[in-house]
PDB file of N, CA and C in Angstrom:
ATOM      1  N   UNK A   1      22.703  78.181  -9.893  1.00  0.00           N
ATOM      2  CA  UNK A   1      24.181  78.171  -9.965  1.00  0.00           C
ATOM      3  C   UNK A   1      24.814  79.391  -9.189  1.00  0.00           C
ATOM      4  N   UNK A   2      24.194  80.476  -9.215  1.00  0.00           N
ATOM      5  CA  UNK A   2      24.793  81.636  -8.427  1.00  0.00           C
ATOM      6  C   UNK A   2      24.560  81.251  -6.815  1.00  0.00           C
ATOM      7  N   UNK A   3      23.500  80.840  -6.483  1.00  0.00           N
ATOM      8  CA  UNK A   3      23.382  80.342  -4.930  1.00  0.00           C
ATOM      9  C   UNK A   3      24.528  79.382  -4.564  1.00  0.00           C
ATOM     10  N   UNK A   4      24.535  78.211  -5.464  1.00  0.00           N
ATOM     11  CA  UNK A   4      25.472  77.279  -5.084  1.00  0.00           C
ATOM     12  C   UNK A   4      26.895  77.482  -5.045  1.00  0.00           C
ATOM     13  N   UNK A   5      27.214  78.529  -6.106  1.00  0.00           N
ATOM     14  CA  UNK A   5      28.691  78.863  -6.143  1.00  0.00           C
ATOM     15  C   UNK A   5      29.176  79.783  -5.056  1.00  0.00           C
ATOM     16  N   UNK A   6      28.046  80.433  -4.399  1.00  0.00           N
ATOM     17  CA  UNK A   6      28.310  81.487  -3.197  1.00  0.00           C
ATOM     18  C   UNK A   6      28.308  80.654  -2.086  1.00  0.00           C
ATOM     19  N   UNK A   7      27.351  79.776  -1.800  1.00  0.00           N
ATOM     20  CA  UNK A   7      27.345  79.023  -0.633  1.00  0.00           C
ATOM     21  C   UNK A   7      26.219  77.943  -0.869  1.00  0.00           C
ATOM     22  N   UNK A   8      26.444  76.717  -0.657  1.00  0.00           N
ATOM     23  CA  UNK A   8      27.453  76.148   0.012  1.00  0.00           C
ATOM     24  C   UNK A   8      28.652  75.733  -0.735  1.00  0.00           C
ATOM     25  N   UNK A   9      28.667  75.728  -1.925  1.00  0.00           N
ATOM     26  CA  UNK A   9      29.903  75.506  -2.864  1.00  0.00           C
ATOM     27  C   UNK A   9      30.802  76.649  -2.966  1.00  0.00           C
ATOM     28  N   UNK A  10      31.374  77.064  -1.878  1.00  0.00           N
ATOM     29  CA  UNK A  10      32.148  78.253  -1.934  1.00  0.00           C
ATOM     30  C   UNK A  10      33.470  78.011  -2.522  1.00  0.00           C
ATOM     31  N   UNK A  11      34.094  79.103  -2.890  1.00  0.00           N
ATOM     32  CA  UNK A  11      35.402  79.028  -3.659  1.00  0.00           C
ATOM     33  C   UNK A  11      36.513  78.501  -2.848  1.00  0.00           C
ATOM     34  N   UNK A  12      36.325  78.404  -1.489  1.00  0.00           N
ATOM     35  CA  UNK A  12      37.367  77.718  -0.719  1.00  0.00           C
ATOM     36  C   UNK A  12      37.572  76.272  -0.965  1.00  0.00           C
ATOM     37  N   UNK A  13      36.553  75.637  -1.614  1.00  0.00           N
ATOM     38  CA  UNK A  13      36.718  74.345  -1.821  1.00  0.00           C
ATOM     39  C   UNK A  13      36.515  73.946  -3.245  1.00  0.00           C
ATOM     40  N   UNK A  14      37.086  72.882  -3.838  1.00  0.00           N
ATOM     41  CA  UNK A  14      37.045  72.542  -5.217  1.00  0.00           C
ATOM     42  C   UNK A  14      35.859  71.380  -5.386  1.00  0.00           C
ATOM     43  N   UNK A  15      34.816  71.751  -6.168  1.00  0.00           N
ATOM     44  CA  UNK A  15      33.689  70.898  -6.498  1.00  0.00           C
ATOM     45  C   UNK A  15      33.678  70.650  -7.860  1.00  0.00           C
ATOM     46  N   UNK A  16      33.089  69.408  -8.280  1.00  0.00           N
ATOM     47  CA  UNK A  16      32.491  69.085  -9.530  1.00  0.00           C
ATOM     48  C   UNK A  16      31.049  68.756  -9.394  1.00  0.00           C
ATOM     49  N   UNK A  17      30.252  68.982 -10.288  1.00  0.00           N
ATOM     50  CA  UNK A  17      28.780  68.713 -10.338  1.00  0.00           C
ATOM     51  C   UNK A  17      28.553  67.787 -11.576  1.00  0.00           C
ATOM     52  N   UNK A  18      27.786  66.794 -11.360  1.00  0.00           N
ATOM     53  CA  UNK A  18      27.232  65.931 -12.383  1.00  0.00           C
ATOM     54  C   UNK A  18      25.615  65.958 -12.354  1.00  0.00           C
ATOM     55  N   UNK A  19      25.047  66.017 -13.648  1.00  0.00           N
ATOM     56  CA  UNK A  19      23.717  65.847 -13.679  1.00  0.00           C
ATOM     57  C   UNK A  19      23.236  64.574 -13.302  1.00  0.00           C
ATOM     58  N   UNK A  20      22.081  64.627 -12.330  1.00  0.00           N
ATOM     59  CA  UNK A  20      21.380  63.343 -11.992  1.00  0.00           C
ATOM     60  C   UNK A  20      19.950  63.700 -11.957  1.00  0.00           C
ATOM     61  N   UNK A  21      19.155  62.800 -11.578  1.00  0.00           N
ATOM     62  CA  UNK A  21      17.627  62.841 -11.439  1.00  0.00           C
ATOM     63  C   UNK A  21      17.273  61.812 -10.377  1.00  0.00           C
ATOM     64  N   UNK A  22      16.230  62.345  -9.670  1.00  0.00           N
ATOM     65  CA  UNK A  22      15.592  61.531  -8.641  1.00  0.00           C
ATOM     66  C   UNK A  22      14.089  61.753  -8.584  1.00  0.00           C
ATOM     67  N   UNK A  23      13.349  60.702  -8.594  1.00  0.00           N
ATOM     68  CA  UNK A  23      11.925  60.763  -8.633  1.00  0.00           C
ATOM     69  C   UNK A  23      11.321  61.802  -9.591  1.00  0.00           C
ATOM     70  N   UNK A  24      11.870  61.619 -10.844  1.00  0.00           N
ATOM     71  CA  UNK A  24      11.486  62.484 -11.990  1.00  0.00           C
ATOM     72  C   UNK A  24      11.815  64.106 -11.726  1.00  0.00           C
ATOM     73  N   UNK A  25      12.615  64.399 -10.876  1.00  0.00           N
ATOM     74  CA  UNK A  25      12.967  65.670 -10.639  1.00  0.00           C
ATOM     75  C   UNK A  25      14.502  65.989 -10.789  1.00  0.00           C
ATOM     76  N   UNK A  26      14.854  67.185 -11.299  1.00  0.00           N
ATOM     77  CA  UNK A  26      16.055  67.399 -11.527  1.00  0.00           C
ATOM     78  C   UNK A  26      17.019  67.365 -10.305  1.00  0.00           C
ATOM     79  N   UNK A  27      18.287  66.968 -10.394  1.00  0.00           N
ATOM     80  CA  UNK A  27      19.155  66.747  -9.349  1.00  0.00           C
ATOM     81  C   UNK A  27      20.681  66.943  -9.824  1.00  0.00           C
ATOM     82  N   UNK A  28      21.548  67.286  -8.945  1.00  0.00           N
ATOM     83  CA  UNK A  28      22.932  67.370  -9.268  1.00  0.00           C
ATOM     84  C   UNK A  28      23.702  66.468  -8.219  1.00  0.00           C
ATOM     85  N   UNK A  29      24.790  65.803  -8.506  1.00  0.00           N
ATOM     86  CA  UNK A  29      25.521  65.145  -7.669  1.00  0.00           C
ATOM     87  C   UNK A  29      26.828  66.016  -7.432  1.00  0.00           C
ATOM     88  N   UNK A  30      27.138  66.176  -6.190  1.00  0.00           N
ATOM     89  CA  UNK A  30      28.223  67.084  -5.905  1.00  0.00           C
ATOM     90  C   UNK A  30      29.469  66.206  -5.533  1.00  0.00           C
ATOM     91  N   UNK A  31      30.694  66.408  -6.029  1.00  0.00           N
ATOM     92  CA  UNK A  31      31.907  65.816  -5.760  1.00  0.00           C
ATOM     93  C   UNK A  31      32.820  66.772  -5.203  1.00  0.00           C
ATOM     94  N   UNK A  32      33.366  66.504  -4.034  1.00  0.00           N
ATOM     95  CA  UNK A  32      34.354  67.428  -3.425  1.00  0.00           C
ATOM     96  C   UNK A  32      35.818  66.814  -3.555  1.00  0.00           C
ATOM     97  N   UNK A  33      36.740  67.833  -3.791  1.00  0.00           N
ATOM     98  CA  UNK A  33      38.140  67.319  -4.039  1.00  0.00           C
ATOM     99  C   UNK A  33      38.851  66.799  -2.864  1.00  0.00           C
ATOM    100  N   UNK A  34      39.447  65.588  -2.900  1.00  0.00           N
ATOM    101  CA  UNK A  34      40.130  65.050  -1.888  1.00  0.00           C
ATOM    102  C   UNK A  34      41.596  64.898  -2.214  1.00  0.00           C
ATOM    103  N   UNK A  35      42.383  65.770  -1.372  1.00  0.00           N
ATOM    104  CA  UNK A  35      43.959  65.913  -1.648  1.00  0.00           C
ATOM    105  C   UNK A  35      44.567  64.482  -1.479  1.00  0.00           C
ATOM    106  N   UNK A  36      43.994  63.589  -0.512  1.00  0.00           N
ATOM    107  CA  UNK A  36      44.803  62.477  -0.274  1.00  0.00           C
ATOM    108  C   UNK A  36      44.623  61.325  -1.383  1.00  0.00           C
ATOM    109  N   UNK A  37      43.509  61.450  -2.102  1.00  0.00           N
ATOM    110  CA  UNK A  37      43.436  60.509  -3.281  1.00  0.00           C
ATOM    111  C   UNK A  37      43.548  61.091  -4.741  1.00  0.00           C
ATOM    112  N   UNK A  38      43.759  62.455  -4.548  1.00  0.00           N
ATOM    113  CA  UNK A  38      43.901  63.237  -5.782  1.00  0.00           C
ATOM    114  C   UNK A  38      42.662  63.078  -6.782  1.00  0.00           C
ATOM    115  N   UNK A  39      41.539  63.005  -6.187  1.00  0.00           N
ATOM    116  CA  UNK A  39      40.256  62.847  -6.976  1.00  0.00           C
ATOM    117  C   UNK A  39      39.172  63.575  -6.389  1.00  0.00           C
ATOM    118  N   UNK A  40      37.980  63.572  -7.089  1.00  0.00           N
ATOM    119  CA  UNK A  40      36.752  64.210  -6.450  1.00  0.00           C
ATOM    120  C   UNK A  40      35.873  62.986  -5.896  1.00  0.00           C
ATOM    121  N   UNK A  41      35.553  63.114  -4.526  1.00  0.00           N
ATOM    122  CA  UNK A  41      34.779  62.053  -3.928  1.00  0.00           C
ATOM    123  C   UNK A  41      33.534  62.448  -3.850  1.00  0.00           C
ATOM    124  N   UNK A  42      32.441  61.589  -3.715  1.00  0.00           N
ATOM    125  CA  UNK A  42      31.018  61.850  -3.624  1.00  0.00           C
ATOM    126  C   UNK A  42      30.854  62.527  -2.261  1.00  0.00           C
ATOM    127  N   UNK A  43      29.974  63.573  -2.180  1.00  0.00           N
ATOM    128  CA  UNK A  43      29.663  64.306  -1.118  1.00  0.00           C
ATOM    129  C   UNK A  43      28.215  64.565  -0.823  1.00  0.00           C
ATOM    130  N   UNK A  44      27.440  65.027  -1.948  1.00  0.00           N
ATOM    131  CA  UNK A  44      26.111  65.263  -1.761  1.00  0.00           C
ATOM    132  C   UNK A  44      25.204  65.127  -3.008  1.00  0.00           C
ATOM    133  N   UNK A  45      23.987  64.813  -2.936  1.00  0.00           N
ATOM    134  CA  UNK A  45      22.963  64.816  -4.006  1.00  0.00           C
ATOM    135  C   UNK A  45      22.074  66.074  -3.633  1.00  0.00           C
ATOM    136  N   UNK A  46      21.907  66.863  -4.618  1.00  0.00           N
ATOM    137  CA  UNK A  46      21.054  68.157  -4.381  1.00  0.00           C
ATOM    138  C   UNK A  46      19.945  67.899  -5.354  1.00  0.00           C
ATOM    139  N   UNK A  47      18.740  67.851  -4.837  1.00  0.00           N
ATOM    140  CA  UNK A  47      17.381  67.606  -5.493  1.00  0.00           C
ATOM    141  C   UNK A  47      16.711  68.960  -5.590  1.00  0.00           C
ATOM    142  N   UNK A  48      16.181  69.349  -6.730  1.00  0.00           N
ATOM    143  CA  UNK A  48      15.594  70.584  -6.902  1.00  0.00           C
ATOM    144  C   UNK A  48      14.029  70.237  -7.128  1.00  0.00           C
ATOM    145  N   UNK A  49      13.167  70.945  -6.312  1.00  0.00           N
ATOM    146  CA  UNK A  49      11.827  70.744  -6.510  1.00  0.00           C
ATOM    147  C   UNK A  49      11.345  71.949  -7.251  1.00  0.00           C
ATOM    148  N   UNK A  50      10.799  71.917  -8.513  1.00  0.00           N
ATOM    149  CA  UNK A  50      10.319  73.012  -9.404  1.00  0.00           C
ATOM    150  C   UNK A  50       8.815  73.142  -9.342  1.00  0.00           C
ATOM    151  N   UNK A  51       8.512  74.427  -9.501  1.00  0.00           N
ATOM    152  CA  UNK A  51       7.128  74.830  -9.571  1.00  0.00           C
ATOM    153  C   UNK A  51       7.102  75.940 -10.793  1.00  0.00           C
ATOM    154  N   UNK A  52       6.433  75.522 -11.856  1.00  0.00           N
ATOM    155  CA  UNK A  52       6.519  76.491 -13.008  1.00  0.00           C
ATOM    156  C   UNK A  52       7.928  76.596 -13.332  1.00  0.00           C
ATOM    157  N   UNK A  53       8.338  77.895 -13.505  1.00  0.00           N
ATOM    158  CA  UNK A  53       9.679  78.182 -13.888  1.00  0.00           C
ATOM    159  C   UNK A  53      10.597  78.541 -12.800  1.00  0.00           C
ATOM    160  N   UNK A  54      10.066  78.183 -11.527  1.00  0.00           N
ATOM    161  CA  UNK A  54      10.932  78.698 -10.365  1.00  0.00           C
ATOM    162  C   UNK A  54      11.400  77.380  -9.593  1.00  0.00           C
ATOM    163  N   UNK A  55      12.473  77.500  -8.929  1.00  0.00           N
ATOM    164  CA  UNK A  55      12.878  76.478  -7.789  1.00  0.00           C
ATOM    165  C   UNK A  55      12.241  76.751  -6.641  1.00  0.00           C
ATOM    166  N   UNK A  56      11.225  75.804  -6.172  1.00  0.00           N
ATOM    167  CA  UNK A  56      10.562  75.912  -4.993  1.00  0.00           C
ATOM    168  C   UNK A  56      11.276  75.556  -3.723  1.00  0.00           C
ATOM    169  N   UNK A  57      12.059  74.316  -4.007  1.00  0.00           N
ATOM    170  CA  UNK A  57      12.763  73.871  -2.801  1.00  0.00           C
ATOM    171  C   UNK A  57      14.036  73.205  -3.219  1.00  0.00           C
ATOM    172  N   UNK A  58      15.098  73.175  -2.306  1.00  0.00           N
ATOM    173  CA  UNK A  58      16.418  72.587  -2.632  1.00  0.00           C
ATOM    174  C   UNK A  58      16.673  71.687  -1.390  1.00  0.00           C
ATOM    175  N   UNK A  59      16.760  70.358  -1.810  1.00  0.00           N
ATOM    176  CA  UNK A  59      17.071  69.500  -0.759  1.00  0.00           C
ATOM    177  C   UNK A  59      18.342  68.770  -0.941  1.00  0.00           C
ATOM    178  N   UNK A  60      19.273  68.664   0.080  1.00  0.00           N
ATOM    179  CA  UNK A  60      20.640  68.073  -0.039  1.00  0.00           C
ATOM    180  C   UNK A  60      20.648  66.851   0.718  1.00  0.00           C
ATOM    181  N   UNK A  61      20.999  65.843   0.195  1.00  0.00           N
ATOM    182  CA  UNK A  61      21.329  64.577   0.814  1.00  0.00           C
ATOM    183  C   UNK A  61      22.840  64.378   0.884  1.00  0.00           C
ATOM    184  N   UNK A  62      23.277  64.652   2.086  1.00  0.00           N
ATOM    185  CA  UNK A  62      24.767  64.553   2.404  1.00  0.00           C
ATOM    186  C   UNK A  62      25.134  63.172   2.691  1.00  0.00           C
ATOM    187  N   UNK A  63      24.922  62.218   1.748  1.00  0.00           N
ATOM    188  CA  UNK A  63      25.041  60.766   2.109  1.00  0.00           C
ATOM    189  C   UNK A  63      25.769  60.187   0.839  1.00  0.00           C
ATOM    190  N   UNK A  64      27.084  60.157   0.828  1.00  0.00           N
ATOM    191  CA  UNK A  64      27.742  59.496  -0.193  1.00  0.00           C
ATOM    192  C   UNK A  64      27.396  58.024  -0.601  1.00  0.00           C
ATOM    193  N   UNK A  65      26.845  57.436   0.440  1.00  0.00           N
ATOM    194  CA  UNK A  65      26.463  55.939   0.233  1.00  0.00           C
ATOM    195  C   UNK A  65      25.257  55.813  -0.746  1.00  0.00           C
ATOM    196  N   UNK A  66      24.620  56.980  -0.924  1.00  0.00           N
ATOM    197  CA  UNK A  66      23.441  56.949  -2.008  1.00  0.00           C
ATOM    198  C   UNK A  66      23.906  56.924  -3.565  1.00  0.00           C
ATOM    199  N   UNK A  67      25.128  57.388  -3.731  1.00  0.00           N
ATOM    200  CA  UNK A  67      25.681  57.450  -5.117  1.00  0.00           C
ATOM    201  C   UNK A  67      25.445  56.248  -5.927  1.00  0.00           C
ATOM    202  N   UNK A  68      25.711  55.100  -5.467  1.00  0.00           N
ATOM    203  CA  UNK A  68      25.572  53.913  -6.313  1.00  0.00           C
ATOM    204  C   UNK A  68      24.078  53.695  -6.708  1.00  0.00           C
ATOM    205  N   UNK A  69      23.089  54.143  -5.865  1.00  0.00           N
ATOM    206  CA  UNK A  69      21.654  53.873  -6.302  1.00  0.00           C
ATOM    207  C   UNK A  69      21.295  54.723  -7.490  1.00  0.00           C
ATOM    208  N   UNK A  70      22.070  55.795  -7.709  1.00  0.00           N
ATOM    209  CA  UNK A  70      21.755  56.634  -8.772  1.00  0.00           C
ATOM    210  C   UNK A  70      22.699  56.454 -10.075  1.00  0.00           C
ATOM    211  N   UNK A  71      23.486  55.317  -9.909  1.00  0.00           N
ATOM    212  CA  UNK A  71      24.477  55.075 -10.994  1.00  0.00           C
ATOM    213  C   UNK A  71      25.498  56.161 -11.176  1.00  0.00           C
ATOM    214  N   UNK A  72      25.934  56.729 -10.056  1.00  0.00           N
ATOM    215  CA  UNK A  72      26.922  57.674 -10.127  1.00  0.00           C
ATOM    216  C   UNK A  72      28.274  57.182  -9.807  1.00  0.00           C
ATOM    217  N   UNK A  73      29.465  57.613 -10.257  1.00  0.00           N
ATOM    218  CA  UNK A  73      30.630  57.025 -10.073  1.00  0.00           C
ATOM    219  C   UNK A  73      31.066  57.245  -8.620  1.00  0.00           C
ATOM    220  N   UNK A  74      32.035  56.302  -8.107  1.00  0.00           N
ATOM    221  CA  UNK A  74      32.646  56.381  -6.788  1.00  0.00           C
ATOM    222  C   UNK A  74      33.563  57.539  -6.595  1.00  0.00           C
ATOM    223  N   UNK A  75      34.193  58.059  -7.672  1.00  0.00           N
ATOM    224  CA  UNK A  75      34.940  59.179  -7.684  1.00  0.00           C
ATOM    225  C   UNK A  75      35.201  59.625  -9.091  1.00  0.00           C
ATOM    226  N   UNK A  76      35.580  60.909  -9.266  1.00  0.00           N
ATOM    227  CA  UNK A  76      35.969  61.625 -10.481  1.00  0.00           C
ATOM    228  C   UNK A  76      37.320  61.923 -10.600  1.00  0.00           C
ATOM    229  N   UNK A  77      38.019  61.591 -11.502  1.00  0.00           N
ATOM    230  CA  UNK A  77      39.531  61.970 -11.756  1.00  0.00           C
ATOM    231  C   UNK A  77      39.712  63.570 -11.939  1.00  0.00           C
ATOM    232  N   UNK A  78      40.791  63.957 -11.913  1.00  0.00           N
ATOM    233  CA  UNK A  78      41.181  65.476 -12.216  1.00  0.00           C
ATOM    234  C   UNK A  78      40.697  65.858 -13.448  1.00  0.00           C
TER     235      UNK A  78
END
């Protein structure tokens, strides 16, 4: 959370995160605020690869078209 809130999810942008999962690994879906639609729109799926009690790797899929495959909503309201 500390890493993500500092960069790339900087304070200059409004983000919402939802719990997700991919290939039996923890993941979060990132939604970025869109002023034009007044809603959070899909932006990225962040996959965490764990080893023991540590995060070994963070992989970001900046592909909003993947959201339906993970049963994620098309947008989040305010």
